[in-house]
Amino acid sequence: MSEVVVVGAGPTGLLLAGDLAAAGVRVTVLERRLHESNLTRAFVVHARTLEQLDARGVADRLLATGTKVDHFRLFGSVSVDLAPLPSRFPFMLVTPQFEVERVLTERALAAGATLLRGADVRDVRQTADHVEVTYTLDGAERTVRAAYLVGADGHHSAVRRELGLGFPGRSVVRSLVLADLRMTDPPTEQLTVDGNADGFCFVVPFGDGWYRVIARDRRKELPDDAPVELDEIAWVARRVFGTDFGMHDPRWMSRFHSDERQVERYRVGRVFLAGDAAHVHSPAGGMGMNTGLQDAADLGWKLAAAVQGRGGDRLLDTYHDERHPVGRMVLRMSGGLLQAALLRSRLARTIRNIVFPAAFALPPIGAMARLRQSGIGISYGRPRGAHRLVGTRAADVTADDGTRLYEALRGGRFVLVAPPGFATPGGVAAHVVSGAETALLVRPDGYVAWAGRNPDGLRAALADWGATPAVAA
């Protein structure tokens, strides 16, 4: 019997499965696709996601597959510099989604997760003590029972359907075109994006001679299955940038529409929703895959604690409490960027091109935009009376023995960052930093669970958060 079933072997489901398996939880992943895809819609990995991957020991492998983008220009007038981000990864990594999936698949399988491809979920039933999932595989109907189920199966989630949950929201833009192609005269900027009365166009290099282009021709409102011609994309680029950069030899082109939707509840009893099954939004800002991966990072260690008897409903409820507001914020950010890019009026675009640079030039606004888009600035609510650092992202700090915090977090452990001589409870990894004034109990997902200058309240926090026994790094 599996202890957790994950539906969907996209990035969200694979990260979650890897975390659960690494924690010793028996996990089965059901994936409808028979084969891994070499095509991709998502292509940006932000700084906070790279930190999460660093805490799992796979960030460097993924960095080798893509291009680092540390600055870019919006609407031809707004310069965004990511170098000031307080992270080991002050950039965006541009890499195809299939590379993310490859790295996470290898990790999950090596940790002991079971992956069943071609498994099509047909029914979900839950009782007070388990969940049953019926699926078809190789033409036969099968059933798997587990303590918990996670739907990470995308926009058209079968798990969400079986729960009877709505997916409120709306379509915000139709007939967007994606293409991966080559260029004879590519743009000099690492990332190029702009729009005008004729359309919208975005160009970014993968670093291996291929370029991702997202375009919208305002003259065309076509269904998703309408064929895409290279001339359509090149026409938009010429109208927006004055050149099509010598686009040629597309290896993939696709048309789609963009929705803004979010499910009202991320948890229903023993079933959870994560990634695109819980929230979808426009590609503006490149935050979709990242938000799903961070959903998984939040949920995995909590489910492991529940399965192993170290956390109950109160701990599991914090998943919705923490991640639902983040999903709502991402919808608003990506929606605002998309609306700004699609302005039709020349006057409105002129005002945009004046207001946006002025706003981004103000240090508080520019910093807030960088921190939120990258995920570095995302924090969770803290209980009344808790230390101000509780719920915030823990910055990577190096211990006196040379070990970084995000290295110490590997293996799904809680880590206590504290000055020498601080009383470290048994079963928690000590991360001794001579310059530290405030001790921090850091959760496996890199957020602060407790903070203080003396141990008061530390043991209660360990119990509240279902802290796992761990050995020192």
Protein backbone atom coordinates (compact mmCIF):
# COMPACT_ATOMS: atom_id res chain seq x y z
CA MET A 1 0.00 0.00 0.00
CA SER A 2 1.28 3.45 -0.89
CA GLU A 3 1.21 6.03 1.86
CA VAL A 4 0.80 8.93 -0.59
CA VAL A 5 -0.41 8.91 -4.20
CA VAL A 6 0.58 11.85 -6.41
CA VAL A 7 -1.33 12.36 -9.66
CA GLY A 8 0.78 14.12 -12.27
CA ALA A 9 4.47 13.79 -13.15
CA GLY A 10 5.08 17.41 -14.06
CA PRO A 11 7.60 19.47 -12.07
CA THR A 12 5.25 19.92 -9.08
CA GLY A 13 4.38 16.25 -8.71
CA LEU A 14 7.96 15.10 -9.24
CA LEU A 15 9.45 17.45 -6.64
CA LEU A 16 6.78 16.37 -4.16
CA ALA A 17 7.33 12.68 -4.87
CA GLY A 18 11.07 13.07 -4.46
CA ASP A 19 10.66 14.83 -1.12
CA LEU A 20 8.28 12.19 0.19
CA ALA A 21 10.42 9.28 -0.97
CA ALA A 22 13.55 10.88 0.49
CA ALA A 23 11.71 11.15 3.82
CA GLY A 24 10.99 7.41 3.74
CA VAL A 25 7.36 7.69 2.64
CA ARG A 26 6.02 5.11 0.17
CA VAL A 27 4.79 7.19 -2.76
CA THR A 28 3.28 6.30 -6.13
CA VAL A 29 3.03 8.79 -9.00
CA LEU A 30 0.28 8.29 -11.60
CA GLU A 31 0.99 10.04 -14.91
CA ARG A 32 -1.40 10.01 -17.86
CA ARG A 33 1.37 10.64 -20.44
CA LEU A 34 3.10 7.51 -21.71
CA HIS A 35 6.38 9.25 -22.47
CA GLU A 36 8.37 12.21 -21.27
CA SER A 37 7.84 15.24 -23.51
CA ASN A 38 10.64 17.15 -25.19
CA LEU A 39 8.30 20.11 -25.71
CA THR A 40 7.68 22.75 -23.10
CA ARG A 41 5.64 25.77 -22.15
CA ALA A 42 7.42 26.72 -18.91
CA PHE A 43 11.02 27.82 -19.32
CA VAL A 44 12.00 30.11 -16.40
CA VAL A 45 13.32 29.01 -12.99
CA HIS A 46 13.44 31.86 -10.49
CA ALA A 47 15.88 32.42 -7.63
CA ARG A 48 13.72 31.04 -4.82
CA THR A 49 13.03 27.87 -6.76
CA LEU A 50 16.76 27.44 -7.35
CA GLU A 51 17.26 27.78 -3.60
CA GLN A 52 14.70 25.00 -3.06
CA LEU A 53 16.54 22.84 -5.59
CA ASP A 54 19.82 23.69 -3.85
CA ALA A 55 18.31 22.35 -0.61
CA ARG A 56 17.75 19.10 -2.52
CA GLY A 57 21.22 18.94 -4.06
CA VAL A 58 20.12 19.30 -7.69
CA ALA A 59 20.43 23.05 -8.42
CA ASP A 60 23.88 22.75 -10.00
CA ARG A 61 22.70 19.99 -12.35
CA LEU A 62 19.87 22.18 -13.58
CA LEU A 63 22.09 25.26 -13.92
CA ALA A 64 24.21 23.32 -16.42
CA THR A 65 21.20 23.01 -18.76
CA GLY A 66 20.31 26.67 -19.31
CA THR A 67 21.15 30.35 -19.53
CA LYS A 68 21.37 32.80 -16.63
CA VAL A 69 19.48 36.05 -17.19
CA ASP A 70 20.43 38.70 -14.63
CA HIS A 71 18.81 41.70 -16.31
CA PHE A 72 16.09 42.38 -18.82
CA ARG A 73 14.06 45.17 -20.32
CA LEU A 74 10.27 45.53 -20.21
CA PHE A 75 8.31 47.50 -22.80
CA GLY A 76 11.53 48.97 -24.17
CA SER A 77 11.82 51.39 -21.24
CA VAL A 78 11.96 49.52 -17.92
CA SER A 79 15.34 48.06 -16.99
CA VAL A 80 15.15 45.28 -14.39
CA ASP A 81 18.41 44.24 -12.72
CA LEU A 82 18.30 41.00 -10.72
CA ALA A 83 21.90 41.26 -9.48
CA PRO A 84 20.87 42.87 -6.14
CA LEU A 85 18.80 39.82 -5.15
CA PRO A 86 20.07 38.56 -1.76
CA SER A 87 20.61 35.01 -2.97
CA ARG A 88 23.27 32.67 -4.35
CA PHE A 89 21.13 32.80 -7.50
CA PRO A 90 20.63 36.48 -8.41
CA PHE A 91 19.20 35.69 -11.84
CA MET A 92 16.54 33.77 -13.74
CA LEU A 93 17.54 30.46 -15.26
CA VAL A 94 16.11 29.95 -18.74
CA THR A 95 15.84 26.23 -19.37
CA PRO A 96 13.13 24.02 -20.91
CA GLN A 97 10.59 22.46 -18.57
CA PHE A 98 11.62 19.00 -19.75
CA GLU A 99 15.07 19.59 -18.24
CA VAL A 100 13.46 20.39 -14.87
CA GLU A 101 11.34 17.24 -15.17
CA ARG A 102 14.36 15.11 -16.11
CA VAL A 103 16.36 16.21 -13.06
CA LEU A 104 13.40 15.77 -10.70
CA THR A 105 12.43 12.40 -12.18
CA GLU A 106 15.92 11.04 -11.63
CA ARG A 107 15.89 12.29 -8.05
CA ALA A 108 12.44 10.85 -7.26
CA LEU A 109 13.22 7.42 -8.71
CA ALA A 110 16.59 7.27 -6.99
CA ALA A 111 14.85 8.02 -3.68
CA GLY A 112 12.45 5.11 -4.22
CA ALA A 113 9.29 6.68 -5.67
CA THR A 114 7.18 4.54 -8.02
CA LEU A 115 6.20 6.19 -11.33
CA LEU A 116 3.41 4.65 -13.43
CA ARG A 117 3.09 6.15 -16.91
CA GLY A 118 -0.10 5.76 -18.93
CA ALA A 119 -2.21 5.79 -15.75
CA ASP A 120 -5.46 7.68 -16.35
CA VAL A 121 -7.36 8.58 -13.17
CA ARG A 122 -11.10 7.84 -13.34
CA ASP A 123 -12.37 8.02 -9.77
CA VAL A 124 -11.37 9.30 -6.33
CA ARG A 125 -13.04 8.22 -3.08
CA GLN A 126 -12.00 9.07 0.43
CA THR A 127 -13.01 7.81 3.87
CA ALA A 128 -12.01 8.89 7.37
CA ASP A 129 -8.74 6.97 7.18
CA HIS A 130 -7.73 6.55 3.52
CA VAL A 131 -8.16 7.56 -0.12
CA GLU A 132 -8.84 5.17 -3.03
CA VAL A 133 -7.89 6.13 -6.57
CA THR A 134 -9.21 4.17 -9.54
CA TYR A 135 -7.25 4.45 -12.79
CA THR A 136 -6.79 2.63 -16.07
CA LEU A 137 -3.42 1.28 -17.14
CA ASP A 138 -2.71 -0.92 -20.17
CA GLY A 139 -6.45 -1.23 -20.76
CA ALA A 140 -7.17 -2.57 -17.28
CA GLU A 141 -8.88 -0.81 -14.39
CA ARG A 142 -6.90 -0.73 -11.16
CA THR A 143 -7.24 0.79 -7.70
CA VAL A 144 -4.59 2.10 -5.32
CA ARG A 145 -5.22 2.98 -1.68
CA ALA A 146 -3.22 5.55 0.28
CA ALA A 147 -3.36 7.69 3.39
CA TYR A 148 -3.25 10.89 1.28
CA LEU A 149 -3.65 11.97 -2.33
CA VAL A 150 -2.19 15.00 -4.10
CA GLY A 151 -3.55 16.26 -7.41
CA ALA A 152 -0.69 17.85 -9.31
CA ASP A 153 -2.27 17.03 -12.66
CA GLY A 154 -2.56 20.43 -14.25
CA HIS A 155 -5.17 22.87 -15.55
CA HIS A 156 -7.68 20.10 -16.38
CA SER A 157 -7.08 18.18 -13.16
CA ALA A 158 -8.95 14.89 -12.85
CA VAL A 159 -8.47 15.01 -9.08
CA ARG A 160 -10.06 18.46 -8.85
CA ARG A 161 -12.91 17.21 -11.03
CA GLU A 162 -13.49 14.19 -8.81
CA LEU A 163 -13.56 16.42 -5.74
CA GLY A 164 -16.32 18.45 -7.39
CA LEU A 165 -14.39 21.69 -6.88
CA GLY A 166 -14.93 24.67 -9.13
CA PHE A 167 -12.08 26.55 -10.76
CA PRO A 168 -13.31 30.16 -10.67
CA GLY A 169 -11.68 32.76 -12.89
CA ARG A 170 -11.64 33.80 -16.53
CA SER A 171 -9.76 33.65 -19.80
CA VAL A 172 -7.60 36.77 -20.02
CA VAL A 173 -6.09 36.45 -23.48
CA ARG A 174 -6.66 34.17 -26.47
CA SER A 175 -4.56 33.02 -29.39
CA LEU A 176 -1.13 33.30 -27.81
CA VAL A 177 1.53 31.56 -29.87
CA LEU A 178 4.59 29.76 -28.52
CA ALA A 179 7.52 28.78 -30.68
CA ASP A 180 11.05 27.46 -30.29
CA LEU A 181 13.14 28.52 -33.27
CA ARG A 182 16.51 29.74 -34.49
CA MET A 183 17.56 33.27 -35.46
CA THR A 184 20.20 34.68 -37.78
CA ASP A 185 20.26 38.12 -36.12
CA PRO A 186 19.08 37.65 -32.51
CA PRO A 187 18.46 40.55 -30.09
CA THR A 188 21.35 41.77 -27.97
CA GLU A 189 19.30 41.84 -24.76
CA GLN A 190 19.15 38.63 -22.72
CA LEU A 191 15.38 38.97 -22.62
CA THR A 192 13.30 41.15 -24.95
CA VAL A 193 9.61 41.94 -24.47
CA ASP A 194 7.29 44.68 -25.74
CA GLY A 195 3.85 45.29 -27.17
CA ASN A 196 1.91 47.88 -29.12
CA ALA A 197 -1.38 48.28 -30.96
CA ASP A 198 -0.47 45.43 -33.33
CA GLY A 199 0.48 42.81 -30.81
CA PHE A 200 2.81 41.53 -28.14
CA CYS A 201 6.13 39.68 -28.45
CA PHE A 202 8.62 38.10 -26.05
CA VAL A 203 12.01 36.63 -26.96
CA VAL A 204 14.52 34.81 -24.74
CA PRO A 205 17.47 32.51 -25.57
CA PHE A 206 17.82 28.98 -24.22
CA GLY A 207 21.58 29.33 -24.66
CA ASP A 208 22.03 26.49 -27.15
CA GLY A 209 21.11 28.37 -30.34
CA TRP A 210 17.36 28.02 -29.78
CA TYR A 211 15.06 30.89 -28.82
CA ARG A 212 11.69 30.85 -27.12
CA VAL A 213 9.19 33.30 -28.62
CA ILE A 214 5.73 34.15 -27.28
CA ALA A 215 3.64 36.32 -29.58
CA ARG A 216 0.10 37.58 -30.05
CA ASP A 217 -1.28 39.06 -33.25
CA ARG A 218 -4.18 41.35 -32.30
CA ARG A 219 -5.78 40.73 -35.69
CA LYS A 220 -6.28 37.04 -34.89
CA GLU A 221 -8.54 35.47 -32.28
CA LEU A 222 -8.18 31.82 -33.25
CA PRO A 223 -8.99 28.63 -31.34
CA ASP A 224 -6.17 26.70 -29.68
CA ASP A 225 -6.17 24.02 -32.38
CA ALA A 226 -5.74 26.48 -35.26
CA PRO A 227 -2.44 25.91 -37.12
CA VAL A 228 0.47 28.26 -36.49
CA GLU A 229 2.62 29.65 -39.28
CA LEU A 230 6.09 31.11 -38.77
CA ASP A 231 5.02 34.16 -40.79
CA GLU A 232 2.44 35.01 -38.13
CA ILE A 233 5.10 35.16 -35.42
CA ALA A 234 7.58 37.04 -37.60
CA TRP A 235 4.92 39.62 -38.54
CA VAL A 236 4.25 40.38 -34.87
CA ALA A 237 7.97 40.70 -34.13
CA ARG A 238 8.45 43.14 -37.00
CA ARG A 239 5.51 45.27 -35.86
CA VAL A 240 6.68 45.32 -32.24
CA PHE A 241 10.48 45.39 -32.53
CA GLY A 242 11.01 46.56 -36.12
CA THR A 243 12.71 43.24 -37.00
CA ASP A 244 11.94 39.54 -36.93
CA PHE A 245 15.57 38.76 -36.00
CA GLY A 246 15.85 36.37 -38.94
CA MET A 247 13.54 33.74 -37.41
CA HIS A 248 13.77 30.31 -39.06
CA ASP A 249 13.65 26.55 -38.55
CA PRO A 250 11.03 26.28 -35.80
CA ARG A 251 11.14 22.94 -33.98
CA TRP A 252 7.83 23.51 -32.23
CA MET A 253 4.91 25.94 -32.51
CA SER A 254 1.68 25.93 -30.54
CA ARG A 255 -1.33 28.15 -29.97
CA PHE A 256 -3.06 28.47 -26.59
CA HIS A 257 -5.17 30.75 -24.45
CA SER A 258 -4.31 32.04 -21.01
CA ASP A 259 -6.60 31.79 -17.97
CA GLU A 260 -6.51 33.30 -14.51
CA ARG A 261 -8.09 30.79 -12.11
CA GLN A 262 -7.64 29.58 -8.56
CA VAL A 263 -9.42 26.85 -6.64
CA GLU A 264 -10.96 28.04 -3.38
CA ARG A 265 -9.56 25.22 -1.24
CA TYR A 266 -6.17 23.53 -1.59
CA ARG A 267 -7.18 20.78 0.85
CA VAL A 268 -10.32 18.65 1.02
CA GLY A 269 -9.94 16.04 3.75
CA ARG A 270 -7.12 13.70 2.72
CA VAL A 271 -6.78 15.20 -0.75
CA PHE A 272 -4.61 18.20 -1.71
CA LEU A 273 -4.19 20.23 -4.89
CA ALA A 274 -0.91 21.77 -6.03
CA GLY A 275 0.54 23.54 -9.06
CA ASP A 276 -1.71 24.17 -12.07
CA ALA A 277 -4.41 21.97 -10.55
CA ALA A 278 -4.79 24.70 -7.90
CA HIS A 279 -3.95 27.89 -9.83
CA VAL A 280 -3.27 29.00 -13.39
CA HIS A 281 -2.33 32.40 -14.76
CA SER A 282 -0.72 34.14 -17.70
CA PRO A 283 2.90 33.42 -18.68
CA ALA A 284 3.82 37.03 -17.84
CA GLY A 285 6.58 36.98 -15.23
CA GLY A 286 7.36 33.29 -15.72
CA MET A 287 5.98 32.41 -12.28
CA GLY A 288 3.69 29.45 -13.02
CA MET A 289 6.02 26.46 -12.77
CA ASN A 290 7.89 28.14 -9.92
CA THR A 291 4.74 28.62 -7.87
CA GLY A 292 3.86 24.96 -8.31
CA LEU A 293 7.34 23.81 -7.30
CA GLN A 294 7.13 25.93 -4.17
CA ASP A 295 3.68 24.46 -3.42
CA ALA A 296 5.35 21.06 -3.46
CA ALA A 297 8.23 22.23 -1.27
CA ASP A 298 5.71 23.47 1.32
CA LEU A 299 3.52 20.35 1.25
CA GLY A 300 6.01 17.49 1.08
CA TRP A 301 7.55 17.66 4.55
CA LYS A 302 4.14 18.27 6.14
CA LEU A 303 2.68 15.16 4.51
CA ALA A 304 5.73 13.16 5.58
CA ALA A 305 5.22 14.32 9.17
CA ALA A 306 1.54 13.34 9.05
CA VAL A 307 2.25 9.90 7.58
CA GLN A 308 4.91 9.25 10.22
CA GLY A 309 2.71 10.39 13.11
CA ARG A 310 4.49 13.66 13.83
CA GLY A 311 1.83 16.07 12.58
CA GLY A 312 -1.91 16.13 12.28
CA ASP A 313 -4.68 18.18 10.73
CA ARG A 314 -3.46 21.48 12.14
CA LEU A 315 -0.10 21.07 10.42
CA LEU A 316 -1.70 19.93 7.15
CA ASP A 317 -4.08 22.91 7.20
CA THR A 318 -1.10 25.27 7.10
CA TYR A 319 -0.51 24.21 3.49
CA HIS A 320 -3.66 25.99 2.30
CA ASP A 321 -3.16 28.83 4.76
CA GLU A 322 0.34 29.54 3.44
CA ARG A 323 0.11 28.77 -0.25
CA HIS A 324 -3.37 30.01 -1.23
CA PRO A 325 -2.45 33.70 -0.57
CA VAL A 326 0.74 33.22 -2.60
CA GLY A 327 -1.24 31.84 -5.53
CA ARG A 328 -3.60 34.81 -5.35
CA MET A 329 -0.66 37.25 -5.32
CA VAL A 330 0.92 35.58 -8.35
CA LEU A 331 -2.36 35.83 -10.28
CA ARG A 332 -2.47 39.55 -9.59
CA MET A 333 1.17 40.14 -10.53
CA SER A 334 1.09 38.17 -13.77
CA GLY A 335 -2.28 39.66 -14.69
CA GLY A 336 -1.01 43.19 -14.18
CA LEU A 337 2.07 42.57 -16.31
CA LEU A 338 -0.03 41.07 -19.08
CA GLN A 339 -2.49 43.96 -19.09
CA ALA A 340 0.41 46.43 -19.26
CA ALA A 341 1.90 44.56 -22.21
CA LEU A 342 -1.40 44.43 -24.15
CA LEU A 343 -2.38 48.10 -23.91
CA ARG A 344 -3.95 49.18 -27.20
CA SER A 345 -4.03 52.95 -26.82
CA ARG A 346 -0.93 54.90 -27.83
CA LEU A 347 -1.63 57.30 -24.95
CA ALA A 348 -1.91 54.45 -22.45
CA ARG A 349 1.36 52.94 -23.67
CA THR A 350 3.05 56.35 -23.44
CA ILE A 351 1.89 56.74 -19.85
CA ARG A 352 3.02 53.17 -19.10
CA ASN A 353 6.46 53.91 -20.53
CA ILE A 354 6.76 56.93 -18.27
CA VAL A 355 5.24 55.56 -15.09
CA PHE A 356 6.88 52.11 -15.04
CA PRO A 357 10.52 53.33 -15.31
CA ALA A 358 9.88 56.01 -12.70
CA ALA A 359 8.30 53.50 -10.33
CA PHE A 360 11.03 50.87 -10.80
CA ALA A 361 13.67 53.56 -10.21
CA LEU A 362 12.33 54.04 -6.66
CA PRO A 363 14.35 51.61 -4.49
CA PRO A 364 11.42 50.28 -2.41
CA ILE A 365 9.25 49.57 -5.47
CA GLY A 366 12.04 48.13 -7.61
CA ALA A 367 13.22 45.92 -4.77
CA MET A 368 9.70 44.71 -3.97
CA ALA A 369 9.05 43.79 -7.61
CA ARG A 370 12.32 41.83 -7.84
CA LEU A 371 11.76 40.05 -4.53
CA ARG A 372 8.19 39.01 -5.32
CA GLN A 373 8.78 37.86 -8.87
CA SER A 374 11.85 35.87 -7.85
CA GLY A 375 10.05 34.38 -4.85
CA ILE A 376 12.79 35.58 -2.50
CA GLY A 377 10.43 38.09 -0.89
CA ILE A 378 7.55 35.67 -0.30
CA SER A 379 6.79 35.03 3.37
CA TYR A 380 4.05 33.34 5.35
CA GLY A 381 1.92 34.71 8.16
CA ARG A 382 3.13 34.31 11.74
CA PRO A 383 1.11 33.63 14.88
CA ARG A 384 0.26 36.55 17.15
CA GLY A 385 3.20 37.30 19.42
CA ALA A 386 5.71 35.31 17.37
CA HIS A 387 9.12 36.72 16.49
CA ARG A 388 9.05 38.94 13.41
CA LEU A 389 11.26 36.48 11.51
CA VAL A 390 8.82 33.56 11.84
CA GLY A 391 7.35 32.75 8.43
CA THR A 392 10.07 34.53 6.48
CA ARG A 393 12.54 32.93 4.09
CA ALA A 394 15.76 31.87 5.79
CA ALA A 395 18.78 33.31 4.01
CA ASP A 396 21.64 30.95 3.22
CA VAL A 397 24.33 31.36 5.89
CA THR A 398 27.61 29.51 6.31
CA ALA A 399 28.35 27.73 9.58
CA ASP A 400 31.67 27.81 11.35
CA ASP A 401 32.50 24.43 9.82
CA GLY A 402 32.03 25.81 6.29
CA THR A 403 28.65 24.16 5.66
CA ARG A 404 25.94 26.31 4.07
CA LEU A 405 22.45 26.27 5.53
CA TYR A 406 20.91 24.99 2.29
CA GLU A 407 23.39 22.13 2.29
CA ALA A 408 22.38 21.32 5.87
CA LEU A 409 18.70 21.29 4.80
CA ARG A 410 19.29 18.44 2.37
CA GLY A 411 17.46 15.31 3.39
CA GLY A 412 14.34 17.14 4.54
CA ARG A 413 15.59 18.05 7.99
CA PHE A 414 14.89 20.89 10.42
CA VAL A 415 18.05 22.89 11.14
CA LEU A 416 18.79 25.19 14.09
CA VAL A 417 20.93 28.19 13.11
CA ALA A 418 22.41 29.46 16.37
CA PRO A 419 25.51 31.02 17.95
CA PRO A 420 28.07 28.80 19.71
CA GLY A 421 26.88 27.46 23.03
CA PHE A 422 23.16 27.66 22.22
CA ALA A 423 21.36 24.62 23.59
CA THR A 424 20.35 22.55 20.56
CA PRO A 425 17.53 20.04 21.19
CA GLY A 426 18.21 16.42 20.36
CA GLY A 427 17.28 15.31 16.84
CA VAL A 428 17.79 18.74 15.26
CA ALA A 429 20.79 19.53 13.08
CA ALA A 430 22.94 22.29 14.58
CA HIS A 431 24.20 25.01 12.25
CA VAL A 432 26.62 27.01 14.40
CA VAL A 433 27.30 30.57 13.21
CA SER A 434 29.56 32.67 15.42
CA GLY A 435 28.06 35.98 14.31
CA ALA A 436 24.44 34.94 14.89
CA GLU A 437 22.55 36.88 17.58
CA THR A 438 19.11 35.31 17.10
CA ALA A 439 18.65 31.56 16.84
CA LEU A 440 16.45 30.34 13.99
CA LEU A 441 14.68 27.00 13.64
CA VAL A 442 14.51 26.53 9.86
CA ARG A 443 11.88 24.27 8.31
CA PRO A 444 12.81 21.78 5.56
CA ASP A 445 11.43 24.23 2.96
CA GLY A 446 13.77 26.99 4.10
CA TYR A 447 11.32 29.12 6.10
CA VAL A 448 11.69 30.14 9.73
CA ALA A 449 9.52 28.11 12.15
CA TRP A 450 10.78 29.73 15.34
CA ALA A 451 13.23 32.49 16.32
CA GLY A 452 14.56 33.76 19.64
CA ARG A 453 17.62 34.65 21.70
CA ASN A 454 16.94 31.92 24.25
CA PRO A 455 15.34 28.48 23.95
CA ASP A 456 11.96 29.53 25.33
CA GLY A 457 9.26 28.16 23.06
CA LEU A 458 11.64 26.13 20.90
CA ARG A 459 10.45 22.71 22.02
CA ALA A 460 6.82 23.76 21.57
CA ALA A 461 7.63 24.91 18.03
CA LEU A 462 9.28 21.58 17.27
CA ALA A 463 6.11 19.78 18.31
CA ASP A 464 3.79 22.20 16.50
CA TRP A 465 5.67 21.84 13.21
CA GLY A 466 6.18 18.08 13.36
CA ALA A 467 9.97 18.42 13.32
CA THR A 468 11.73 15.33 12.02
CA PRO A 469 14.67 13.84 13.92
CA ALA A 470 17.86 14.68 12.06
CA VAL A 471 21.57 14.20 12.39
CA ALA A 472 24.07 16.99 12.15
CA ALA A 473 25.22 17.81 8.65
